[in-house]
Every structure is written in C-alpha cells, then in structure tokens.
C-alpha cells in the first residue's frame, strides 16, 4: 500500500514538472491572392513566417533612450527587414489560403506573408500572448513600373510594387505613396519624379523603398537613386518612410519657394542617404541614418541651399555625417552623430549655426589618426560658423579649420560654451586670410575637461606664418582661447537638450 501511494506521489511530481504548455499558443488565418487580371489563382504556397523582434546595437539603443525626441525612435517598423533574417516559425497556406501554427511560444513577433509574384506584407509587433487569428489577408499581384509614365500613379496602401528598369514621372503627373506601400527598385535602376509628389506613410505603417539586395553587405544590388526633380512640387511632408540599400540615395531637388519638410524617415545601409540641393526654406528633422554592420559613405549631402534647417536627427556608423557645401542660413540643432570614421560635420563655404549637437568621430584608433580621419567638425574655405553648446569629440581633431581664401568670403567663426574632447588636437587652424579685417577666431568660454593650461595650449594649433612654396598658410587673426574646465562652464549645458 505504501509503495502504491509513493508511486502516485512520484507520478504527480513528474506531471507537475513536465513541459509547461501554458506558455504556448496557436496562430491561424487565411490569405487572399488578387491577380491583376480576371483569373482564378491557387492560394496555396504563401509563406507565413514569424520573426523575433529586431535586436539593435546596444549603444544605438542607449542613444535613443537617453535622447528622447530625436531620430525616429526605437520602432520595429524602422529597422525590420525579413530578407536578412531567419524566421523562428513558418508554414505555408493550403489550397483555400488557410494556415495554422501550433504550440508557438507566447511572445511578440514580426509576421511576414510572402509569395512569388505578390511580394510581401508585414505585421509588425504582433501580440501572440493568446490564441490569434488573422483572416482575409489580401495580397495583390506585383505591378512593375518602367519607362516614362504620363498618367497619375498611386502606390496603394499595403501593396507591393517593383521597378526592374527604373521609371520617370512626367511633369504633368502626380505620384503618391500611401501608408504601407512598398517599392522595390532593382540594382542600378533610378526613379525620377518631375510632377507632383506626396507620401502618406504613418509611423505605425511606413512606406518602404528597398533594393533587391539579399544581404546587408550586398552593395552590388543597391538601387540607384530616387530623385524628386527641381521642377517637382512636393505636397505635404515627405514623412514616415524607410529607404534602404541605395547607392546614390533619396534626392530632393525641388525649388518650390515654400520649401519642403523631410521628417521621420529611416535610411538604412545607403551609400549616400539623403541629398538636398538647390532648395529654399527646407527642413530635415527627426530622421535616422543607420548603417548596420557595414559602414557607408555620407548620411546627408547638401549643396546650394538657402535657409536649411537640419535638426533632431541621429546619424550612426558612417564615414561622414554631414557634407554641406555652398549654403547659407543653415541651422544644425539637436543632432546626434556617432560612430563616425572620418568626419562628423564637413562644412565648405557654409554660413550658419551649430547648436546643441553631439559629434563623435572616434571610430579610427588613435594610432591611425590623420587629417581626414577622426575629425568631429571640419570647416573649409568661405565658411562663417557660430557654434555653441555642442560636444565635439574626435580622435584626431575636435575642430579643424583649413582652406584657401574663397571668393569674397573667408573662413570665420566664433565657438563658445562647447565641450571639446580629444586624444590629440582640440583646434587645428590653417588657411589663407582667416577672417577679413584682421579679426580673430573667438574660441573662448569653452570646456576642455582639464585645468592644465599647458596641456590645452599644446593641443590648439595655429598655423600662422607657415610658408609653403609661394603661398602663406596664414591667418590675419589670432586664435583667442581660455581654459574653462568645470561642469558649469560646459558639461551641464552642451549637447542635446530638448
């Protein structure tokens, strides 16, 4: 009798210690395929894939968490691309379009439906903590866009489009992008918009432009460029979208007098991500420029602009953050630039202000530093830059002024209340006729994180009277500086403060 009771107790314990089925659930649903012609198609074979949430660089996550209000935020919509990942669970639909997955661990997943000729659809951050059914998922047959298009085109919500050979929209047409629409552009192909352009993406369902790249490192299959022509009219903001794997980037050349707004866009693994040229009164704000595992060339390139505002953006893991040329009344504010290999901010013949930015050009090891590597802000000829409340951190140079006299202007600038961090040079100044009328570079009231005046002095390099051939790399100026090193002088106020 005692043995029998003991057997029952052991059985109960074994059952209690067995697999916990309460942590699993079921997922089912159905898919409809809608062809472009009036034909009946089989609904079998649609892939249904469940992916875990994206795991991002921990430092990038920390940047976003500690600086609320800049970039696009930590959203799955911005960074998920199933083509570069392996699904945790998958199945295919049957002839009637139905599917089911059993015993799926309860969690939040990114769900993908994919079928040859119909592209793919995303359901991001889908809660599977209880049994769920996704019925009547509609997938339309892919539409390919090519050649010169003379009629209005709308990329409809949650539909998939391709462009194998590129296309151009005529100047009398309207091109619209709705939320969740996807446009896949084949390697080397370009798109040009000459008429009216609008996009209606949302934060929870952004539009996407993507290449045929099969891996993060597949630069061969980057698409060429998406150009909003100088004759185009931009209606509303260019907002809430994702542009990935482009070699020449998303280019906005529109000359409309009212300017345009680019906001809440994520640029992933693009060689040159965003180009703004010949614009007036335009704004680039709350965008994220992110290279994952592979470093690309330039995040933002801008030339010949008037009244350009670049604010609240995150640039992470690039060779160059900003490359700005021949532009006036430019405001850089509340931008975070990190993991830069060469130059954080490269300004050539630019008149403007830099405020509350953080720039870290520290990727190159100290031993490999040189003029073109590891410079936080590099100011070339003909620029007049006022900078205050910034953090400039470069393994080679925090700030570098260099260049010849340019036209009627010359390099100019006042730097106050900034934090300078470096292993090598705080300020490097070399050029011709640094400021008209024998003025001076006002480099006072900055924080150097040390009270050692000799240490600071050794790291402020003024290349006056250095003869090179028949030219004098000479400033008609003095570099004025003074050592401030307490937190109240710089640390507590510099950098991003929203």
Protein backbone atom coordinates (compact mmCIF):
# COMPACT_ATOMS: atom_id res chain seq x y z
CA UNK A 1 0.00 0.00 0.00
CA UNK A 2 2.81 2.38 0.91
CA UNK A 3 4.56 1.57 -2.37
CA UNK A 4 1.35 2.36 -4.26
CA UNK A 5 0.95 5.72 -2.55
CA UNK A 6 4.61 6.52 -3.21
CA UNK A 7 4.12 5.65 -6.90
CA UNK A 8 1.16 8.04 -7.15
CA UNK A 9 3.10 10.86 -5.47
CA UNK A 10 6.06 10.41 -7.82
CA UNK A 11 3.70 10.42 -10.83
CA UNK A 12 2.10 13.64 -9.66
CA UNK A 13 5.50 15.27 -9.20
CA UNK A 14 6.66 14.16 -12.65
CA UNK A 15 3.50 15.52 -14.25
CA UNK A 16 3.88 18.81 -12.38
CA UNK A 17 7.50 19.13 -13.53
CA UNK A 18 6.68 18.32 -17.15
CA UNK A 19 6.59 20.80 -20.06
CA UNK A 20 4.57 23.93 -19.36
CA UNK A 21 2.08 24.07 -22.21
CA UNK A 22 0.50 27.22 -20.79
CA UNK A 23 3.35 29.27 -22.28
CA UNK A 24 2.36 28.32 -25.82
CA UNK A 25 -0.43 29.36 -28.14
CA UNK A 26 -1.83 28.82 -31.64
CA UNK A 27 -1.87 31.15 -34.64
CA UNK A 28 -4.06 30.73 -37.71
CA UNK A 29 -5.72 32.67 -40.51
CA UNK A 30 -6.22 32.93 -44.26
CA UNK A 31 -4.74 34.75 -47.26
CA UNK A 32 -6.41 36.02 -50.44
CA UNK A 33 -4.38 36.49 -53.63
CA UNK A 34 -5.72 39.05 -56.08
CA UNK A 35 -4.20 38.87 -59.59
CA UNK A 36 -4.02 41.84 -61.98
CA UNK A 37 -6.27 40.03 -64.47
CA UNK A 38 -9.65 38.30 -64.07
CA UNK A 39 -8.25 34.84 -63.48
CA UNK A 40 -8.56 32.32 -60.67
CA UNK A 41 -5.29 31.54 -58.91
CA UNK A 42 -4.35 28.99 -56.34
CA UNK A 43 -3.97 30.35 -52.83
CA UNK A 44 -1.58 27.58 -51.83
CA UNK A 45 2.07 28.09 -51.03
CA UNK A 46 2.05 31.54 -49.42
CA UNK A 47 4.81 31.65 -46.82
CA UNK A 48 3.74 32.64 -43.33
CA UNK A 49 6.77 33.50 -41.19
CA UNK A 50 7.17 34.60 -37.58
CA UNK A 51 10.31 36.56 -36.70
CA UNK A 52 11.56 37.68 -33.29
CA UNK A 53 11.83 41.39 -32.67
CA UNK A 54 14.90 43.13 -34.07
CA UNK A 55 17.99 43.22 -31.88
CA UNK A 56 19.79 46.55 -32.35
CA UNK A 57 23.22 47.81 -31.44
CA UNK A 58 23.14 48.40 -27.68
CA UNK A 59 24.93 51.74 -27.98
CA UNK A 60 22.41 52.96 -30.54
CA UNK A 61 19.57 51.90 -28.25
CA UNK A 62 21.21 53.84 -25.44
CA UNK A 63 21.48 56.96 -27.61
CA UNK A 64 17.78 56.87 -28.42
CA UNK A 65 16.75 56.05 -24.85
CA UNK A 66 18.79 58.91 -23.42
CA UNK A 67 17.77 61.49 -26.02
CA UNK A 68 14.02 61.36 -26.35
CA UNK A 69 12.68 63.43 -29.21
CA UNK A 70 15.46 62.88 -31.77
CA UNK A 71 15.54 60.49 -34.72
CA UNK A 72 12.65 58.16 -35.47
CA UNK A 73 12.86 56.39 -32.11
CA UNK A 74 13.21 52.69 -31.36
CA UNK A 75 10.49 51.32 -33.62
CA UNK A 76 10.39 47.87 -35.16
CA UNK A 77 8.83 49.39 -38.28
CA UNK A 78 12.01 51.35 -38.96
CA UNK A 79 14.55 48.53 -38.74
CA UNK A 80 12.91 45.22 -39.56
CA UNK A 81 13.77 43.60 -42.91
CA UNK A 82 12.96 39.91 -43.02
CA UNK A 83 15.18 39.24 -46.03
CA UNK A 84 18.27 39.45 -43.84
CA UNK A 85 16.90 37.29 -41.02
CA UNK A 86 15.83 33.72 -40.30
CA UNK A 87 12.24 33.06 -39.18
CA UNK A 88 11.62 31.44 -35.82
CA UNK A 89 8.49 29.64 -37.10
CA UNK A 90 6.98 29.25 -40.54
CA UNK A 91 4.39 27.43 -42.57
CA UNK A 92 2.62 27.76 -45.94
CA UNK A 93 -1.01 28.19 -46.88
CA UNK A 94 -3.18 25.38 -48.22
CA UNK A 95 -5.25 25.49 -51.42
CA UNK A 96 -8.00 27.55 -49.79
CA UNK A 97 -5.48 30.04 -48.38
CA UNK A 98 -5.73 28.91 -44.77
CA UNK A 99 -2.78 28.36 -42.46
CA UNK A 100 -2.12 27.40 -38.85
CA UNK A 101 0.81 27.21 -36.48
CA UNK A 102 0.51 25.29 -33.23
CA UNK A 103 2.44 25.43 -29.98
CA UNK A 104 4.07 28.78 -30.70
CA UNK A 105 5.78 30.25 -27.62
CA UNK A 106 3.86 33.27 -26.40
CA UNK A 107 5.69 36.43 -27.42
CA UNK A 108 5.61 39.49 -29.68
CA UNK A 109 6.54 38.72 -33.30
CA UNK A 110 7.03 40.38 -36.64
CA UNK A 111 4.82 38.46 -39.07
CA UNK A 112 5.57 38.25 -42.79
CA UNK A 113 3.39 36.93 -45.63
CA UNK A 114 5.36 36.34 -48.84
CA UNK A 115 4.52 34.82 -52.21
CA UNK A 116 6.26 34.79 -55.59
CA UNK A 117 4.77 37.45 -57.83
CA UNK A 118 2.90 39.07 -54.93
CA UNK A 119 5.73 40.50 -52.86
CA UNK A 120 5.38 40.54 -49.09
CA UNK A 121 3.35 42.13 -46.31
CA UNK A 122 4.39 42.96 -42.77
CA UNK A 123 2.54 42.90 -39.47
CA UNK A 124 4.98 44.43 -37.02
CA UNK A 125 5.00 43.92 -33.24
CA UNK A 126 2.12 41.43 -33.37
CA UNK A 127 1.00 40.25 -29.93
CA UNK A 128 0.83 36.45 -29.71
CA UNK A 129 0.33 36.11 -25.97
CA UNK A 130 -3.00 34.40 -26.64
CA UNK A 131 -4.51 32.43 -29.50
CA UNK A 132 -4.95 34.72 -32.51
CA UNK A 133 -6.47 34.55 -35.98
CA UNK A 134 -5.52 36.77 -38.93
CA UNK A 135 -8.20 36.22 -41.55
CA UNK A 136 -8.55 37.63 -45.05
CA UNK A 137 -5.02 38.95 -45.53
CA UNK A 138 -5.08 40.45 -49.01
CA UNK A 139 -2.04 40.31 -51.30
CA UNK A 140 -2.18 41.88 -54.76
CA UNK A 141 -0.09 40.75 -57.69
CA UNK A 142 3.01 42.90 -58.13
CA UNK A 143 2.84 45.88 -60.52
CA UNK A 144 6.06 46.82 -62.33
CA UNK A 145 6.71 50.50 -63.14
CA UNK A 146 9.01 51.38 -66.03
CA UNK A 147 9.81 53.96 -68.71
CA UNK A 148 8.28 57.44 -69.00
CA UNK A 149 4.91 57.45 -67.24
CA UNK A 150 2.41 60.10 -68.38
CA UNK A 151 -0.52 59.23 -66.10
CA UNK A 152 -1.00 59.69 -62.36
CA UNK A 153 0.30 56.82 -60.22
CA UNK A 154 -0.65 55.92 -56.67
CA UNK A 155 1.23 53.25 -54.77
CA UNK A 156 -1.75 51.93 -52.83
CA UNK A 157 -1.69 51.07 -49.14
CA UNK A 158 -0.07 47.72 -48.26
CA UNK A 159 0.64 46.80 -51.88
CA UNK A 160 3.94 45.73 -53.38
CA UNK A 161 5.43 47.36 -56.49
CA UNK A 162 8.64 46.84 -58.43
CA UNK A 163 10.74 48.75 -60.91
CA UNK A 164 13.08 46.48 -62.80
CA UNK A 165 14.40 49.12 -65.21
CA UNK A 166 13.56 52.36 -63.43
CA UNK A 167 10.92 54.93 -64.38
CA UNK A 168 10.31 58.66 -64.74
CA UNK A 169 7.09 60.52 -63.93
CA UNK A 170 6.20 63.24 -66.49
CA UNK A 171 5.95 66.85 -65.25
CA UNK A 172 2.14 66.85 -65.65
CA UNK A 173 1.58 63.82 -63.44
CA UNK A 174 1.09 63.10 -59.75
CA UNK A 175 2.95 60.38 -57.89
CA UNK A 176 1.54 59.40 -54.49
CA UNK A 177 2.66 56.86 -51.92
CA UNK A 178 0.16 55.56 -49.36
CA UNK A 179 0.89 54.00 -45.99
CA UNK A 180 2.44 50.56 -46.05
CA UNK A 181 3.18 50.64 -49.79
CA UNK A 182 6.45 49.00 -50.84
CA UNK A 183 8.54 49.86 -53.91
CA UNK A 184 11.40 47.50 -54.73
CA UNK A 185 13.86 49.01 -57.21
CA UNK A 186 16.28 46.71 -59.00
CA UNK A 187 20.02 47.22 -58.69
CA UNK A 188 21.31 50.25 -60.57
CA UNK A 189 17.83 51.46 -61.56
CA UNK A 190 16.71 55.04 -60.90
CA UNK A 191 13.41 56.83 -60.33
CA UNK A 192 12.76 60.49 -61.19
CA UNK A 193 9.67 62.48 -60.20
CA UNK A 194 9.08 65.62 -62.30
CA UNK A 195 5.48 66.40 -61.37
CA UNK A 196 3.60 66.49 -58.07
CA UNK A 197 4.78 64.23 -55.26
CA UNK A 198 3.13 63.25 -51.99
CA UNK A 199 3.53 60.44 -49.49
CA UNK A 200 1.14 59.40 -46.76
CA UNK A 201 3.07 56.95 -44.64
CA UNK A 202 2.35 56.67 -40.92
CA UNK A 203 4.65 55.86 -38.02
CA UNK A 204 2.91 52.54 -37.45
CA UNK A 205 2.74 51.69 -41.16
CA UNK A 206 5.53 53.48 -43.08
CA UNK A 207 6.09 53.29 -46.82
CA UNK A 208 9.24 51.47 -47.94
CA UNK A 209 11.74 51.85 -50.76
CA UNK A 210 14.11 48.91 -50.97
CA UNK A 211 16.54 47.22 -53.29
CA UNK A 212 16.95 43.67 -54.45
CA UNK A 213 19.89 43.23 -52.08
CA UNK A 214 19.91 39.81 -50.46
CA UNK A 215 22.22 40.66 -47.55
CA UNK A 216 23.33 43.74 -45.64
CA UNK A 217 26.65 43.54 -47.46
CA UNK A 218 25.15 43.19 -50.95
CA UNK A 219 26.15 46.63 -52.26
CA UNK A 220 26.18 45.28 -55.83
CA UNK A 221 22.38 45.13 -55.73
CA UNK A 222 21.80 48.60 -54.22
CA UNK A 223 19.27 50.55 -56.25
CA UNK A 224 20.49 53.78 -57.83
CA UNK A 225 18.59 56.87 -56.71
CA UNK A 226 15.09 58.22 -56.11
CA UNK A 227 15.03 61.83 -57.34
CA UNK A 228 12.40 64.48 -56.73
CA UNK A 229 13.27 66.76 -59.63
CA UNK A 230 13.88 70.52 -59.43
CA UNK A 231 10.59 71.05 -61.32
CA UNK A 232 8.57 68.86 -58.96
CA UNK A 233 6.05 70.11 -56.42
CA UNK A 234 6.08 68.45 -53.02
CA UNK A 235 2.66 68.31 -51.36
CA UNK A 236 2.83 67.93 -47.60
CA UNK A 237 5.84 66.50 -45.74
CA UNK A 238 7.98 63.66 -47.06
CA UNK A 239 7.39 61.62 -43.95
CA UNK A 240 7.16 58.23 -42.28
CA UNK A 241 9.09 56.02 -44.63
CA UNK A 242 12.07 53.68 -44.85
CA UNK A 243 14.71 53.86 -47.59
CA UNK A 244 17.20 51.01 -47.60
CA UNK A 245 20.16 49.87 -49.70
CA UNK A 246 20.51 52.74 -52.15
CA UNK A 247 23.84 53.65 -53.74
CA UNK A 248 23.05 57.29 -54.59
CA UNK A 249 20.19 57.92 -52.20
CA UNK A 250 16.96 59.82 -51.85
CA UNK A 251 17.46 63.18 -53.58
CA UNK A 252 15.24 66.22 -53.20
CA UNK A 253 15.99 68.99 -55.70
CA UNK A 254 12.61 70.74 -55.65
CA UNK A 255 12.95 74.54 -55.97
CA UNK A 256 9.45 75.39 -54.79
CA UNK A 257 9.53 78.68 -52.88
CA UNK A 258 7.81 77.30 -49.77
CA UNK A 259 10.44 74.62 -49.38
CA UNK A 260 9.70 71.11 -48.16
CA UNK A 261 9.91 69.04 -45.00
CA UNK A 262 11.67 65.67 -44.70
CA UNK A 263 10.80 64.04 -41.38
CA UNK A 264 10.55 60.68 -39.66
CA UNK A 265 12.42 58.83 -42.40
CA UNK A 266 14.78 55.96 -41.67
CA UNK A 267 17.73 55.48 -44.01
CA UNK A 268 19.32 52.04 -43.68
CA UNK A 269 22.55 50.92 -45.35
CA UNK A 270 22.52 53.58 -48.06
CA UNK A 271 25.79 54.73 -49.57
CA UNK A 272 24.74 58.37 -49.78
CA UNK A 273 21.45 58.50 -47.94
CA UNK A 274 19.79 61.92 -48.32
CA UNK A 275 20.74 64.65 -50.78
CA UNK A 276 19.15 68.13 -50.58
CA UNK A 277 20.14 70.52 -53.33
CA UNK A 278 19.14 73.99 -54.55
CA UNK A 279 16.28 74.30 -52.07
CA UNK A 280 14.86 77.22 -50.11
CA UNK A 281 13.27 77.19 -46.65
CA UNK A 282 13.50 73.41 -46.22
CA UNK A 283 13.72 71.24 -43.09
CA UNK A 284 15.24 67.82 -42.38
CA UNK A 285 14.18 66.62 -38.93
CA UNK A 286 13.67 63.54 -36.79
CA UNK A 287 15.31 61.21 -39.28
CA UNK A 288 17.53 58.23 -38.51
CA UNK A 289 20.57 57.34 -40.61
CA UNK A 290 21.81 53.91 -39.63
CA UNK A 291 24.34 51.57 -41.17
CA UNK A 292 24.18 48.09 -39.71
CA UNK A 293 27.45 46.14 -39.71
CA UNK A 294 28.67 47.82 -42.89
CA UNK A 295 29.79 51.44 -42.94
CA UNK A 296 28.58 53.63 -45.80
CA UNK A 297 29.79 56.93 -47.25
CA UNK A 298 27.70 60.03 -46.35
CA UNK A 299 24.47 60.38 -44.41
CA UNK A 300 23.37 63.88 -45.52
CA UNK A 301 24.80 65.74 -48.50
CA UNK A 302 23.51 69.25 -49.22
CA UNK A 303 24.58 71.92 -51.71
CA UNK A 304 23.34 75.34 -52.85
CA UNK A 305 20.62 75.75 -50.22
CA UNK A 306 19.14 78.81 -48.54
CA UNK A 307 17.51 78.67 -45.09
CA UNK A 308 18.07 74.97 -44.49
CA UNK A 309 17.32 73.53 -41.04
CA UNK A 310 18.77 70.16 -40.04
CA UNK A 311 17.54 69.19 -36.59
CA UNK A 312 16.85 66.29 -34.22
CA UNK A 313 18.46 63.63 -36.43
CA UNK A 314 20.54 60.59 -35.47
CA UNK A 315 23.47 59.54 -37.65
CA UNK A 316 25.17 56.32 -36.57
CA UNK A 317 28.05 54.33 -38.08
CA UNK A 318 29.04 56.29 -41.21
CA UNK A 319 32.21 57.56 -42.83
CA UNK A 320 30.87 61.14 -42.95
CA UNK A 321 27.82 62.51 -41.13
CA UNK A 322 27.08 65.87 -42.82
CA UNK A 323 28.75 67.05 -46.03
CA UNK A 324 27.36 70.55 -46.66
CA UNK A 325 28.55 72.94 -49.39
CA UNK A 326 27.76 76.39 -50.75
CA UNK A 327 24.77 77.02 -48.49
CA UNK A 328 23.61 79.98 -46.39
CA UNK A 329 21.44 80.40 -43.30
CA UNK A 330 21.93 76.76 -42.30
CA UNK A 331 20.90 75.73 -38.79
CA UNK A 332 22.20 72.49 -37.27
CA UNK A 333 20.46 71.83 -33.97
CA UNK A 334 19.98 68.87 -31.62
CA UNK A 335 21.67 66.36 -33.94
CA UNK A 336 23.46 63.28 -32.59
CA UNK A 337 26.32 61.98 -34.76
CA UNK A 338 28.21 58.95 -33.51
CA UNK A 339 30.49 56.11 -34.61
CA UNK A 340 31.99 58.23 -37.39
CA UNK A 341 35.14 57.03 -39.12
CA UNK A 342 36.24 60.18 -40.96
CA UNK A 343 34.41 63.49 -40.41
CA UNK A 344 31.28 64.17 -38.37
CA UNK A 345 30.40 67.54 -39.93
CA UNK A 346 32.14 68.71 -43.11
CA UNK A 347 31.25 72.32 -43.98
CA UNK A 348 32.58 74.04 -47.11
CA UNK A 349 31.52 77.61 -47.88
CA UNK A 350 28.67 77.41 -45.40
CA UNK A 351 27.18 80.23 -43.36
CA UNK A 352 25.19 79.04 -40.38
CA UNK A 353 24.89 77.98 -36.75
CA UNK A 354 25.61 74.75 -34.89
CA UNK A 355 23.80 74.38 -31.56
CA UNK A 356 23.26 71.57 -29.06
CA UNK A 357 24.77 68.87 -31.28
CA UNK A 358 26.89 65.91 -30.20
CA UNK A 359 29.52 64.73 -32.66
CA UNK A 360 31.76 61.71 -32.04
CA UNK A 361 34.39 60.86 -34.66
CA UNK A 362 36.18 58.22 -32.64
CA UNK A 363 35.97 55.07 -34.70
CA UNK A 364 39.50 55.25 -36.08
CA UNK A 365 42.04 54.12 -33.45
CA UNK A 366 44.19 56.91 -32.09
CA UNK A 367 47.30 55.37 -33.67
CA UNK A 368 45.74 55.62 -37.18
CA UNK A 369 44.63 59.24 -36.93
CA UNK A 370 45.35 61.74 -39.72
CA UNK A 371 43.86 64.89 -41.16
CA UNK A 372 40.96 63.13 -42.86
CA UNK A 373 40.21 60.64 -40.11
CA UNK A 374 38.65 61.21 -36.74
CA UNK A 375 37.61 64.88 -37.03
CA UNK A 376 34.41 65.96 -35.30
CA UNK A 377 33.80 69.19 -37.28
CA UNK A 378 35.84 70.24 -40.31
CA UNK A 379 35.29 73.78 -41.61
CA UNK A 380 36.64 74.68 -45.05
CA UNK A 381 37.07 77.89 -47.02
CA UNK A 382 34.46 80.62 -47.10
CA UNK A 383 32.53 79.45 -44.07
CA UNK A 384 31.13 81.51 -41.22
CA UNK A 385 30.01 79.18 -38.42
CA UNK A 386 28.76 80.19 -35.00
CA UNK A 387 28.88 77.20 -32.63
CA UNK A 388 27.69 76.96 -29.04
CA UNK A 389 26.56 74.31 -26.57
CA UNK A 390 27.96 71.41 -28.61
CA UNK A 391 30.08 68.37 -27.79
CA UNK A 392 32.89 67.78 -30.31
CA UNK A 393 34.87 64.58 -29.80
CA UNK A 394 37.46 63.48 -32.36
CA UNK A 395 40.38 61.10 -32.09
CA UNK A 396 42.36 63.41 -34.40
CA UNK A 397 40.73 66.83 -34.17
CA UNK A 398 37.78 68.22 -32.28
CA UNK A 399 37.62 71.21 -34.65
CA UNK A 400 39.63 71.76 -37.83
CA UNK A 401 39.71 74.96 -39.90
CA UNK A 402 41.53 74.62 -43.19
CA UNK A 403 41.48 76.09 -46.70
CA UNK A 404 42.24 78.97 -49.01
CA UNK A 405 40.54 82.32 -49.47
CA UNK A 406 37.26 81.71 -51.31
CA UNK A 407 35.76 84.50 -53.45
CA UNK A 408 34.78 87.49 -51.33
CA UNK A 409 34.49 85.46 -48.14
CA UNK A 410 36.89 83.73 -45.85
CA UNK A 411 36.72 81.21 -43.06
CA UNK A 412 35.18 82.76 -40.00
CA UNK A 413 33.63 81.64 -36.74
CA UNK A 414 33.02 82.00 -33.05
CA UNK A 415 32.91 78.97 -30.75
CA UNK A 416 31.52 79.39 -27.23
CA UNK A 417 30.30 77.12 -24.44
CA UNK A 418 31.23 73.91 -26.24
CA UNK A 419 32.78 70.76 -24.78
CA UNK A 420 35.93 69.58 -26.56
CA UNK A 421 37.18 66.04 -26.07
CA UNK A 422 40.18 64.61 -27.91
CA UNK A 423 43.28 62.48 -27.58
CA UNK A 424 45.20 64.71 -29.98
CA UNK A 425 44.16 68.27 -31.08
CA UNK A 426 41.34 70.46 -29.75
CA UNK A 427 41.62 73.05 -32.51
CA UNK A 428 43.62 72.99 -35.72
CA UNK A 429 43.56 76.25 -37.69
CA UNK A 430 45.24 76.64 -41.09
CA UNK A 431 44.18 78.74 -44.05
CA UNK A 432 44.58 81.92 -46.02
CA UNK A 433 43.15 85.20 -44.73
CA UNK A 434 41.20 83.51 -41.99
CA UNK A 435 38.91 86.47 -41.34
CA UNK A 436 38.54 89.79 -43.16
CA UNK A 437 39.73 92.97 -41.47
CA UNK A 438 42.26 91.21 -39.25
CA UNK A 439 39.67 89.85 -36.84
CA UNK A 440 40.15 86.86 -34.59
CA UNK A 441 38.73 83.42 -34.07
CA UNK A 442 36.90 83.64 -30.77
CA UNK A 443 37.46 80.28 -29.12
CA UNK A 444 36.80 81.46 -25.58
CA UNK A 445 34.41 80.20 -22.91
CA UNK A 446 34.71 76.53 -23.92
CA UNK A 447 35.25 73.44 -21.78
CA UNK A 448 38.35 71.26 -22.25
CA UNK A 449 37.83 68.85 -19.33
CA UNK A 450 41.15 69.75 -17.78
CA UNK A 451 42.65 72.60 -15.77
CA UNK A 452 46.11 72.01 -17.25
CA UNK A 453 46.69 75.13 -19.35
CA UNK A 454 49.89 73.73 -20.88
CA UNK A 455 48.05 70.59 -21.97
CA UNK A 456 45.35 72.66 -23.69
CA UNK A 457 47.88 75.02 -25.27
CA UNK A 458 49.75 72.11 -26.84
CA UNK A 459 46.50 70.96 -28.43
CA UNK A 460 45.48 74.26 -30.01
CA UNK A 461 47.46 74.55 -33.24
CA UNK A 462 47.57 77.90 -35.06
CA UNK A 463 49.49 77.55 -38.33
CA UNK A 464 50.40 81.23 -38.75
CA UNK A 465 53.32 82.24 -40.92
CA UNK A 466 53.97 78.76 -42.23
CA UNK A 467 55.41 79.25 -45.69
CA UNK A 468 54.61 76.59 -48.28
CA UNK A 469 56.23 77.38 -51.63
CA UNK A 470 54.97 80.76 -52.77
CA UNK A 471 51.89 80.60 -50.55
CA UNK A 472 51.49 81.58 -46.94
CA UNK A 473 49.11 79.47 -44.91
CA UNK A 474 48.47 82.44 -42.75
CA UNK A 475 45.65 83.88 -40.68
CA UNK A 476 45.18 87.60 -40.44
CA UNK A 477 44.00 86.82 -36.95
CA UNK A 478 44.76 85.47 -33.53
CA UNK A 479 43.12 82.42 -32.04
CA UNK A 480 41.62 83.58 -28.75
CA UNK A 481 41.02 80.93 -26.11
CA UNK A 482 40.88 80.50 -22.38
CA UNK A 483 40.74 77.38 -20.18
CA UNK A 484 37.38 76.59 -18.64
CA UNK A 485 37.08 73.13 -17.20
CA UNK A 486 34.28 72.93 -14.65
CA UNK A 487 30.92 71.34 -15.34
CA UNK A 488 29.13 74.66 -15.06
CA UNK A 489 31.24 76.01 -17.90
CA UNK A 490 30.21 73.44 -20.44
CA UNK A 491 29.24 69.93 -19.49
CA UNK A 492 25.86 70.72 -17.97
CA UNK A 493 24.69 72.76 -20.96
CA UNK A 494 26.45 71.32 -24.00
CA UNK A 495 24.97 68.73 -26.31
CA UNK A 496 21.35 67.85 -26.93
CA UNK A 497 18.84 69.41 -24.58
CA UNK A 498 15.24 69.22 -25.82
